[in-house]
Amino acid sequence: MNFPPGFPSWLAALLGALVMASLCGFVFLFQNALRAGKVHAGDFGLPDLMAGTVFFTWFLGLSVRNMTGPSRVITQQDLLGGGILYLLIVLAICGFLKLRKFHLGEQFGLKQARIWKVPIFGLGLLLMIFPVVGLAGAITQKLLGPDAEPQEIVKFFQQAVQQNDSRSMLITIVIGGVLAPVAEELMFRGYLYPLCKRYIGVIAGVIFNSLLFAVMHSNLTALPALSVLACGFTLAYELTGSLLVPMMMHAIFNFTMFTVMLNTSGQ
């Protein structure tokens, strides 16, 4: 990767070291997932496979439509509708698992990590994987050049910041920083990943689940970075056995992105 003129060599070396350390972290997480992963998958069966197939088909259909269709500007109503949809999906998954006689607390490992440790694990693991996530994003931006387009929700938030539209900013932060991490982690890590692990194994399950998560966001520019990020979320779930940890990582990441945009979009 070419650095800007005058970029300090020591900083380039530091960034390289961080990326290498992050890659080693991913190797460690994969080894742990293969050897001593804590995500329960043995109780998933044919009903879950059928439900998972429905989710997969739905996500893929929406993603293909959004990525191949004409670009559109999202509105407050779109965000609110998305928030309601997130809530319905959470209720649907939890309700289905209860009908299947799953104990949600045990299945999602809600007591695996003490509450006070969840932010520590979440922040620590996010910092560990972030250099590779950032590298994937930087390479994609470089390759796409002027064709690199941010996600629609990012455009919406940036415009809201520039127009000082506090209501739109608040709606975006609540849905993107709270509802999305809970609902998406429940869908992808809590339900779909154990299903993948049960039928196609850990490595294929992590890769497939991560790609599906990234494709669901319907943005080519963000796809590589989101795939790596989702991979980190899944492996963190395997390491800790608690879905609260990837939820916390997801929320911290989204809030960080919103904070950065708040401080740069108005400039």
C-alpha atoms as a PDB file:
ATOM      1  CA  MET A   1       0.000   0.000   0.000  1.00  0.00           C
ATOM      2  CA  ASN A   2       1.319   3.457  -0.903  1.00  0.00           C
ATOM      3  CA  PHE A   3       1.446   5.939   1.982  1.00  0.00           C
ATOM      4  CA  PRO A   4       1.046   9.701   1.419  1.00  0.00           C
ATOM      5  CA  PRO A   5       4.219  11.756   0.879  1.00  0.00           C
ATOM      6  CA  GLY A   6       5.850  12.651   4.177  1.00  0.00           C
ATOM      7  CA  PHE A   7       4.195   9.767   6.005  1.00  0.00           C
ATOM      8  CA  PRO A   8       6.573   8.902   8.907  1.00  0.00           C
ATOM      9  CA  SER A   9       8.361   5.588   8.427  1.00  0.00           C
ATOM     10  CA  TRP A  10       8.009   4.791  12.120  1.00  0.00           C
ATOM     11  CA  LEU A  11       4.223   5.149  11.870  1.00  0.00           C
ATOM     12  CA  ALA A  12       4.123   2.885   8.810  1.00  0.00           C
ATOM     13  CA  ALA A  13       6.152   0.311  10.749  1.00  0.00           C
ATOM     14  CA  LEU A  14       3.802   0.632  13.728  1.00  0.00           C
ATOM     15  CA  LEU A  15       0.738   0.111  11.529  1.00  0.00           C
ATOM     16  CA  GLY A  16       2.381  -2.918   9.962  1.00  0.00           C
ATOM     17  CA  ALA A  17       3.139  -4.363  13.393  1.00  0.00           C
ATOM     18  CA  LEU A  18      -0.454  -3.803  14.502  1.00  0.00           C
ATOM     19  CA  VAL A  19      -1.782  -5.589  11.413  1.00  0.00           C
ATOM     20  CA  MET A  20       0.580  -8.534  12.003  1.00  0.00           C
ATOM     21  CA  ALA A  21      -0.457  -8.730  15.662  1.00  0.00           C
ATOM     22  CA  SER A  22      -4.100  -8.597  14.598  1.00  0.00           C
ATOM     23  CA  LEU A  23      -3.570 -11.429  12.109  1.00  0.00           C
ATOM     24  CA  CYS A  24      -1.967 -13.486  14.873  1.00  0.00           C
ATOM     25  CA  GLY A  25      -5.038 -12.743  16.988  1.00  0.00           C
ATOM     26  CA  PHE A  26      -7.293 -14.108  14.262  1.00  0.00           C
ATOM     27  CA  VAL A  27      -5.166 -17.263  14.041  1.00  0.00           C
ATOM     28  CA  PHE A  28      -5.472 -17.721  17.806  1.00  0.00           C
ATOM     29  CA  LEU A  29      -9.250 -17.241  17.680  1.00  0.00           C
ATOM     30  CA  PHE A  30      -9.627 -19.740  14.847  1.00  0.00           C
ATOM     31  CA  GLN A  31      -7.504 -22.303  16.700  1.00  0.00           C
ATOM     32  CA  ASN A  32      -9.607 -21.810  19.818  1.00  0.00           C
ATOM     33  CA  ALA A  33     -12.844 -22.186  17.835  1.00  0.00           C
ATOM     34  CA  LEU A  34     -11.633 -25.465  16.332  1.00  0.00           C
ATOM     35  CA  ARG A  35     -10.269 -26.849  19.578  1.00  0.00           C
ATOM     36  CA  ALA A  36     -12.491 -25.511  22.351  1.00  0.00           C
ATOM     37  CA  GLY A  37     -15.286 -23.400  20.863  1.00  0.00           C
ATOM     38  CA  LYS A  38     -18.076 -22.648  23.325  1.00  0.00           C
ATOM     39  CA  VAL A  39     -21.006 -22.089  20.942  1.00  0.00           C
ATOM     40  CA  HIS A  40     -23.691 -24.769  21.399  1.00  0.00           C
ATOM     41  CA  ALA A  41     -24.819 -26.277  18.096  1.00  0.00           C
ATOM     42  CA  GLY A  42     -25.721 -29.902  18.825  1.00  0.00           C
ATOM     43  CA  ASP A  43     -29.381 -29.246  19.610  1.00  0.00           C
ATOM     44  CA  PHE A  44     -30.138 -27.666  16.230  1.00  0.00           C
ATOM     45  CA  GLY A  45     -32.095 -29.922  13.902  1.00  0.00           C
ATOM     46  CA  LEU A  46     -34.247 -30.083  10.782  1.00  0.00           C
ATOM     47  CA  PRO A  47     -36.780 -27.411  11.889  1.00  0.00           C
ATOM     48  CA  ASP A  48     -33.901 -24.988  12.453  1.00  0.00           C
ATOM     49  CA  LEU A  49     -32.360 -25.893   9.102  1.00  0.00           C
ATOM     50  CA  MET A  50     -35.662 -25.107   7.390  1.00  0.00           C
ATOM     51  CA  ALA A  51     -36.048 -21.804   9.280  1.00  0.00           C
ATOM     52  CA  GLY A  52     -32.426 -20.911   8.552  1.00  0.00           C
ATOM     53  CA  THR A  53     -32.961 -21.587   4.856  1.00  0.00           C
ATOM     54  CA  VAL A  54     -35.891 -19.165   4.894  1.00  0.00           C
ATOM     55  CA  PHE A  55     -33.727 -16.490   6.555  1.00  0.00           C
ATOM     56  CA  PHE A  56     -30.876 -17.105   4.122  1.00  0.00           C
ATOM     57  CA  THR A  57     -33.128 -16.900   1.065  1.00  0.00           C
ATOM     58  CA  TRP A  58     -34.762 -13.732   2.358  1.00  0.00           C
ATOM     59  CA  PHE A  59     -31.455 -12.015   3.198  1.00  0.00           C
ATOM     60  CA  LEU A  60     -29.913 -12.979  -0.120  1.00  0.00           C
ATOM     61  CA  GLY A  61     -32.955 -11.829  -2.101  1.00  0.00           C
ATOM     62  CA  LEU A  62     -33.006  -8.447  -0.335  1.00  0.00           C
ATOM     63  CA  SER A  63     -29.265  -8.016  -0.808  1.00  0.00           C
ATOM     64  CA  VAL A  64     -29.324  -8.832  -4.519  1.00  0.00           C
ATOM     65  CA  ARG A  65     -32.246  -6.477  -5.056  1.00  0.00           C
ATOM     66  CA  ASN A  66     -30.562  -3.638  -3.168  1.00  0.00           C
ATOM     67  CA  MET A  67     -27.160  -4.085  -4.811  1.00  0.00           C
ATOM     68  CA  THR A  68     -28.452  -4.423  -8.363  1.00  0.00           C
ATOM     69  CA  GLY A  69     -31.342  -1.974  -8.191  1.00  0.00           C
ATOM     70  CA  PRO A  70     -31.146   1.806  -8.608  1.00  0.00           C
ATOM     71  CA  SER A  71     -29.539   3.792  -5.797  1.00  0.00           C
ATOM     72  CA  ARG A  72     -32.054   5.392  -3.447  1.00  0.00           C
ATOM     73  CA  VAL A  73     -31.885   7.826  -0.551  1.00  0.00           C
ATOM     74  CA  ILE A  74     -33.184   6.415   2.713  1.00  0.00           C
ATOM     75  CA  THR A  75     -35.516   8.432   4.929  1.00  0.00           C
ATOM     76  CA  GLN A  76     -36.464   8.596   8.588  1.00  0.00           C
ATOM     77  CA  GLN A  77     -39.440   6.368   7.784  1.00  0.00           C
ATOM     78  CA  ASP A  78     -37.094   3.779   6.271  1.00  0.00           C
ATOM     79  CA  LEU A  79     -34.977   3.765   9.441  1.00  0.00           C
ATOM     80  CA  LEU A  80     -37.986   3.510  11.728  1.00  0.00           C
ATOM     81  CA  GLY A  81     -39.383   0.702   9.589  1.00  0.00           C
ATOM     82  CA  GLY A  82     -36.014  -1.044   9.808  1.00  0.00           C
ATOM     83  CA  GLY A  83     -36.048  -0.688  13.587  1.00  0.00           C
ATOM     84  CA  ILE A  84     -39.496  -2.256  13.810  1.00  0.00           C
ATOM     85  CA  LEU A  85     -38.343  -5.062  11.521  1.00  0.00           C
ATOM     86  CA  TYR A  86     -35.355  -5.697  13.791  1.00  0.00           C
ATOM     87  CA  LEU A  87     -37.666  -6.011  16.795  1.00  0.00           C
ATOM     88  CA  LEU A  88     -39.959  -8.413  14.940  1.00  0.00           C
ATOM     89  CA  ILE A  89     -37.023 -10.591  13.894  1.00  0.00           C
ATOM     90  CA  VAL A  90     -35.742 -10.748  17.480  1.00  0.00           C
ATOM     91  CA  LEU A  91     -39.191 -11.745  18.719  1.00  0.00           C
ATOM     92  CA  ALA A  92     -39.591 -14.299  15.926  1.00  0.00           C
ATOM     93  CA  ILE A  93     -36.255 -16.018  16.613  1.00  0.00           C
ATOM     94  CA  CYS A  94     -36.701 -16.039  20.376  1.00  0.00           C
ATOM     95  CA  GLY A  95     -40.287 -17.265  20.035  1.00  0.00           C
ATOM     96  CA  PHE A  96     -39.284 -20.025  17.616  1.00  0.00           C
ATOM     97  CA  LEU A  97     -36.470 -21.212  19.888  1.00  0.00           C
ATOM     98  CA  LYS A  98     -38.824 -21.225  22.877  1.00  0.00           C
ATOM     99  CA  LEU A  99     -41.261 -23.387  20.905  1.00  0.00           C
ATOM    100  CA  ARG A 100     -38.325 -25.681  20.166  1.00  0.00           C
ATOM    101  CA  LYS A 101     -37.777 -25.920  23.970  1.00  0.00           C
ATOM    102  CA  PHE A 102     -34.422 -24.109  23.901  1.00  0.00           C
ATOM    103  CA  HIS A 103     -33.342 -22.321  27.062  1.00  0.00           C
ATOM    104  CA  LEU A 104     -32.377 -18.923  25.637  1.00  0.00           C
ATOM    105  CA  GLY A 105     -30.039 -17.996  28.491  1.00  0.00           C
ATOM    106  CA  GLU A 106     -28.064 -21.203  28.105  1.00  0.00           C
ATOM    107  CA  GLN A 107     -28.115 -21.237  24.289  1.00  0.00           C
ATOM    108  CA  PHE A 108     -26.823 -17.669  24.014  1.00  0.00           C
ATOM    109  CA  GLY A 109     -24.470 -18.005  27.007  1.00  0.00           C
ATOM    110  CA  LEU A 110     -25.939 -15.005  28.772  1.00  0.00           C
ATOM    111  CA  LYS A 111     -24.317 -16.100  32.042  1.00  0.00           C
ATOM    112  CA  GLN A 112     -21.021 -17.258  30.539  1.00  0.00           C
ATOM    113  CA  ALA A 113     -19.373 -13.889  31.112  1.00  0.00           C
ATOM    114  CA  ARG A 114     -20.017 -11.652  34.091  1.00  0.00           C
ATOM    115  CA  ILE A 115     -21.760  -8.432  33.090  1.00  0.00           C
ATOM    116  CA  TRP A 116     -18.852  -6.245  34.190  1.00  0.00           C
ATOM    117  CA  LYS A 117     -16.480  -8.297  32.032  1.00  0.00           C
ATOM    118  CA  VAL A 118     -18.538  -7.971  28.840  1.00  0.00           C
ATOM    119  CA  PRO A 119     -17.374  -4.398  28.002  1.00  0.00           C
ATOM    120  CA  ILE A 120     -13.769  -5.383  28.765  1.00  0.00           C
ATOM    121  CA  PHE A 121     -13.905  -8.457  26.522  1.00  0.00           C
ATOM    122  CA  GLY A 122     -15.819  -6.524  23.868  1.00  0.00           C
ATOM    123  CA  LEU A 123     -13.417  -3.578  23.706  1.00  0.00           C
ATOM    124  CA  GLY A 124     -10.302  -5.731  23.973  1.00  0.00           C
ATOM    125  CA  LEU A 125     -11.319  -8.156  21.221  1.00  0.00           C
ATOM    126  CA  LEU A 126     -12.504  -5.327  18.975  1.00  0.00           C
ATOM    127  CA  LEU A 127      -9.157  -3.564  19.322  1.00  0.00           C
ATOM    128  CA  MET A 128      -7.419  -6.849  18.499  1.00  0.00           C
ATOM    129  CA  ILE A 129      -9.289  -7.425  15.227  1.00  0.00           C
ATOM    130  CA  PHE A 130      -9.642  -3.793  14.130  1.00  0.00           C
ATOM    131  CA  PRO A 131      -6.261  -3.398  12.342  1.00  0.00           C
ATOM    132  CA  VAL A 132      -7.187  -6.135   9.851  1.00  0.00           C
ATOM    133  CA  VAL A 133     -10.690  -4.672   9.467  1.00  0.00           C
ATOM    134  CA  GLY A 134      -9.172  -1.262   8.763  1.00  0.00           C
ATOM    135  CA  LEU A 135      -6.678  -2.736   6.301  1.00  0.00           C
ATOM    136  CA  ALA A 136      -9.463  -4.512   4.389  1.00  0.00           C
ATOM    137  CA  GLY A 137     -11.416  -1.271   4.194  1.00  0.00           C
ATOM    138  CA  ALA A 138      -8.394   0.774   3.094  1.00  0.00           C
ATOM    139  CA  ILE A 139      -7.481  -1.694   0.338  1.00  0.00           C
ATOM    140  CA  THR A 140     -11.070  -1.701  -0.949  1.00  0.00           C
ATOM    141  CA  GLN A 141     -11.193   2.099  -0.978  1.00  0.00           C
ATOM    142  CA  LYS A 142      -7.898   2.172  -2.887  1.00  0.00           C
ATOM    143  CA  LEU A 143      -9.041  -0.379  -5.467  1.00  0.00           C
ATOM    144  CA  LEU A 144     -12.469   1.176  -6.063  1.00  0.00           C
ATOM    145  CA  GLY A 145     -11.199   4.751  -6.011  1.00  0.00           C
ATOM    146  CA  PRO A 146     -13.957   7.231  -6.966  1.00  0.00           C
ATOM    147  CA  ASP A 147     -16.421   4.337  -7.332  1.00  0.00           C
ATOM    148  CA  ALA A 148     -16.246   3.635  -3.588  1.00  0.00           C
ATOM    149  CA  GLU A 149     -19.648   4.525  -2.144  1.00  0.00           C
ATOM    150  CA  PRO A 150     -20.501   4.514   1.593  1.00  0.00           C
ATOM    151  CA  GLN A 151     -23.521   2.668   2.941  1.00  0.00           C
ATOM    152  CA  GLU A 152     -26.851   4.455   2.596  1.00  0.00           C
ATOM    153  CA  ILE A 153     -27.229   4.798   6.368  1.00  0.00           C
ATOM    154  CA  VAL A 154     -23.803   6.459   6.483  1.00  0.00           C
ATOM    155  CA  LYS A 155     -24.871   8.954   3.810  1.00  0.00           C
ATOM    156  CA  PHE A 156     -28.081   9.621   5.724  1.00  0.00           C
ATOM    157  CA  PHE A 157     -26.226  10.239   8.991  1.00  0.00           C
ATOM    158  CA  GLN A 158     -23.613  12.476   7.363  1.00  0.00           C
ATOM    159  CA  GLN A 159     -26.340  14.567   5.764  1.00  0.00           C
ATOM    160  CA  ALA A 160     -28.174  14.793   9.102  1.00  0.00           C
ATOM    161  CA  VAL A 161     -24.973  16.054  10.769  1.00  0.00           C
ATOM    162  CA  GLN A 162     -24.381  18.647   8.039  1.00  0.00           C
ATOM    163  CA  GLN A 163     -27.975  19.874   8.349  1.00  0.00           C
ATOM    164  CA  ASN A 164     -27.869  19.744  12.167  1.00  0.00           C
ATOM    165  CA  ASP A 165     -30.935  17.473  12.090  1.00  0.00           C
ATOM    166  CA  SER A 166     -30.812  16.174  15.676  1.00  0.00           C
ATOM    167  CA  ARG A 167     -33.927  13.998  15.305  1.00  0.00           C
ATOM    168  CA  SER A 168     -32.473  12.075  12.361  1.00  0.00           C
ATOM    169  CA  MET A 169     -29.137  11.740  14.141  1.00  0.00           C
ATOM    170  CA  LEU A 170     -30.813  10.364  17.281  1.00  0.00           C
ATOM    171  CA  ILE A 171     -32.906   7.862  15.322  1.00  0.00           C
ATOM    172  CA  THR A 172     -29.832   6.655  13.444  1.00  0.00           C
ATOM    173  CA  ILE A 173     -27.751   6.282  16.608  1.00  0.00           C
ATOM    174  CA  VAL A 174     -30.473   4.403  18.504  1.00  0.00           C
ATOM    175  CA  ILE A 175     -31.221   2.026  15.636  1.00  0.00           C
ATOM    176  CA  GLY A 176     -27.626   1.643  14.433  1.00  0.00           C
ATOM    177  CA  GLY A 177     -25.973   1.638  17.844  1.00  0.00           C
ATOM    178  CA  VAL A 178     -28.480  -0.317  19.934  1.00  0.00           C
ATOM    179  CA  LEU A 179     -31.115  -2.189  17.921  1.00  0.00           C
ATOM    180  CA  ALA A 180     -28.870  -3.297  15.054  1.00  0.00           C
ATOM    181  CA  PRO A 181     -26.137  -4.843  17.250  1.00  0.00           C
ATOM    182  CA  VAL A 182     -28.707  -6.781  19.294  1.00  0.00           C
ATOM    183  CA  ALA A 183     -30.852  -7.948  16.367  1.00  0.00           C
ATOM    184  CA  GLU A 184     -28.036  -8.689  13.910  1.00  0.00           C
ATOM    185  CA  GLU A 185     -25.955 -10.573  16.473  1.00  0.00           C
ATOM    186  CA  LEU A 186     -28.988 -12.591  17.505  1.00  0.00           C
ATOM    187  CA  MET A 187     -29.723 -13.436  13.852  1.00  0.00           C
ATOM    188  CA  PHE A 188     -26.229 -14.096  12.537  1.00  0.00           C
ATOM    189  CA  ARG A 189     -24.187 -15.196  15.533  1.00  0.00           C
ATOM    190  CA  GLY A 190     -26.943 -16.417  17.850  1.00  0.00           C
ATOM    191  CA  TYR A 191     -29.028 -18.405  15.369  1.00  0.00           C
ATOM    192  CA  LEU A 192     -27.506 -18.791  11.905  1.00  0.00           C
ATOM    193  CA  TYR A 193     -23.920 -19.449  12.992  1.00  0.00           C
ATOM    194  CA  PRO A 194     -24.678 -22.416  15.302  1.00  0.00           C
ATOM    195  CA  LEU A 195     -26.797 -23.812  12.483  1.00  0.00           C
ATOM    196  CA  CYS A 196     -23.870 -23.454  10.074  1.00  0.00           C
ATOM    197  CA  LYS A 197     -21.514 -24.970  12.649  1.00  0.00           C
ATOM    198  CA  ARG A 198     -23.850 -27.921  13.107  1.00  0.00           C
ATOM    199  CA  TYR A 199     -24.090 -28.801   9.397  1.00  0.00           C
ATOM    200  CA  ILE A 200     -20.957 -27.490   7.641  1.00  0.00           C
ATOM    201  CA  GLY A 201     -18.389 -27.141  10.429  1.00  0.00           C
ATOM    202  CA  VAL A 202     -16.613 -24.287  12.176  1.00  0.00           C
ATOM    203  CA  ILE A 203     -14.372 -22.878   9.425  1.00  0.00           C
ATOM    204  CA  ALA A 204     -16.967 -23.032   6.631  1.00  0.00           C
ATOM    205  CA  GLY A 205     -19.603 -21.820   9.090  1.00  0.00           C
ATOM    206  CA  VAL A 206     -17.554 -18.771  10.124  1.00  0.00           C
ATOM    207  CA  ILE A 207     -16.763 -17.847   6.520  1.00  0.00           C
ATOM    208  CA  PHE A 208     -20.298 -18.384   5.200  1.00  0.00           C
ATOM    209  CA  ASN A 209     -21.916 -16.576   8.118  1.00  0.00           C
ATOM    210  CA  SER A 210     -19.525 -13.637   7.822  1.00  0.00           C
ATOM    211  CA  LEU A 211     -20.044 -13.266   4.081  1.00  0.00           C
ATOM    212  CA  LEU A 212     -23.817 -13.414   4.510  1.00  0.00           C
ATOM    213  CA  PHE A 213     -23.640 -10.702   7.171  1.00  0.00           C
ATOM    214  CA  ALA A 214     -21.539  -8.477   4.891  1.00  0.00           C
ATOM    215  CA  VAL A 215     -23.683  -9.072   1.792  1.00  0.00           C
ATOM    216  CA  MET A 216     -26.808  -8.241   3.798  1.00  0.00           C
ATOM    217  CA  HIS A 217     -25.517  -4.669   4.170  1.00  0.00           C
ATOM    218  CA  SER A 218     -25.748  -4.292   0.360  1.00  0.00           C
ATOM    219  CA  ASN A 219     -22.603  -2.231  -0.124  1.00  0.00           C
ATOM    220  CA  LEU A 220     -19.653  -3.343  -2.242  1.00  0.00           C
ATOM    221  CA  THR A 221     -17.229  -0.892  -0.645  1.00  0.00           C
ATOM    222  CA  ALA A 222     -17.942  -2.145   2.879  1.00  0.00           C
ATOM    223  CA  LEU A 223     -18.171  -5.848   1.979  1.00  0.00           C
ATOM    224  CA  PRO A 224     -14.531  -6.929   2.669  1.00  0.00           C
ATOM    225  CA  ALA A 225     -14.228  -4.972   5.927  1.00  0.00           C
ATOM    226  CA  LEU A 226     -17.641  -6.128   7.174  1.00  0.00           C
ATOM    227  CA  SER A 227     -16.754  -9.736   6.331  1.00  0.00           C
ATOM    228  CA  VAL A 228     -13.593  -9.521   8.440  1.00  0.00           C
ATOM    229  CA  LEU A 229     -15.474  -7.722  11.218  1.00  0.00           C
ATOM    230  CA  ALA A 230     -18.210 -10.370  11.256  1.00  0.00           C
ATOM    231  CA  CYS A 231     -15.566 -13.092  11.334  1.00  0.00           C
ATOM    232  CA  GLY A 232     -14.136 -11.446  14.459  1.00  0.00           C
ATOM    233  CA  PHE A 233     -17.586 -11.250  16.060  1.00  0.00           C
ATOM    234  CA  THR A 234     -18.201 -14.957  15.430  1.00  0.00           C
ATOM    235  CA  LEU A 235     -14.820 -16.045  16.760  1.00  0.00           C
ATOM    236  CA  ALA A 236     -15.305 -13.861  19.839  1.00  0.00           C
ATOM    237  CA  TYR A 237     -18.577 -15.702  20.441  1.00  0.00           C
ATOM    238  CA  GLU A 238     -16.736 -19.036  20.178  1.00  0.00           C
ATOM    239  CA  LEU A 239     -14.023 -17.814  22.572  1.00  0.00           C
ATOM    240  CA  THR A 240     -16.333 -16.514  25.301  1.00  0.00           C
ATOM    241  CA  GLY A 241     -19.511 -18.521  24.732  1.00  0.00           C
ATOM    242  CA  SER A 242     -21.534 -15.385  25.412  1.00  0.00           C
ATOM    243  CA  LEU A 243     -23.527 -13.602  22.704  1.00  0.00           C
ATOM    244  CA  LEU A 244     -23.299 -10.458  24.839  1.00  0.00           C
ATOM    245  CA  VAL A 245     -19.639 -10.082  23.836  1.00  0.00           C
ATOM    246  CA  PRO A 246     -20.136  -9.778  20.035  1.00  0.00           C
ATOM    247  CA  MET A 247     -23.173  -7.581  20.753  1.00  0.00           C
ATOM    248  CA  MET A 248     -20.917  -5.287  22.775  1.00  0.00           C
ATOM    249  CA  MET A 249     -18.209  -5.336  20.080  1.00  0.00           C
ATOM    250  CA  HIS A 250     -20.807  -4.511  17.421  1.00  0.00           C
ATOM    251  CA  ALA A 251     -22.264  -1.653  19.481  1.00  0.00           C
ATOM    252  CA  ILE A 252     -18.842  -0.156  20.276  1.00  0.00           C
ATOM    253  CA  PHE A 253     -17.857  -0.327  16.607  1.00  0.00           C
ATOM    254  CA  ASN A 254     -21.061   1.360  15.419  1.00  0.00           C
ATOM    255  CA  PHE A 255     -20.937   4.055  18.110  1.00  0.00           C
ATOM    256  CA  THR A 256     -17.295   4.725  17.222  1.00  0.00           C
ATOM    257  CA  MET A 257     -18.203   5.174  13.556  1.00  0.00           C
ATOM    258  CA  PHE A 258     -21.024   7.558  14.485  1.00  0.00           C
ATOM    259  CA  THR A 259     -18.662   9.542  16.724  1.00  0.00           C
ATOM    260  CA  VAL A 260     -16.104   9.851  13.933  1.00  0.00           C
ATOM    261  CA  MET A 261     -18.791  11.026  11.504  1.00  0.00           C
ATOM    262  CA  LEU A 262     -20.098  13.538  14.027  1.00  0.00           C
ATOM    263  CA  ASN A 263     -16.646  15.073  14.233  1.00  0.00           C
ATOM    264  CA  THR A 264     -15.838  15.023  10.516  1.00  0.00           C
ATOM    265  CA  SER A 265     -19.083  15.404   8.534  1.00  0.00           C
ATOM    266  CA  GLY A 266     -19.559  19.030   9.491  1.00  0.00           C
ATOM    267  CA  GLN A 267     -16.073  20.038   8.385  1.00  0.00           C
END
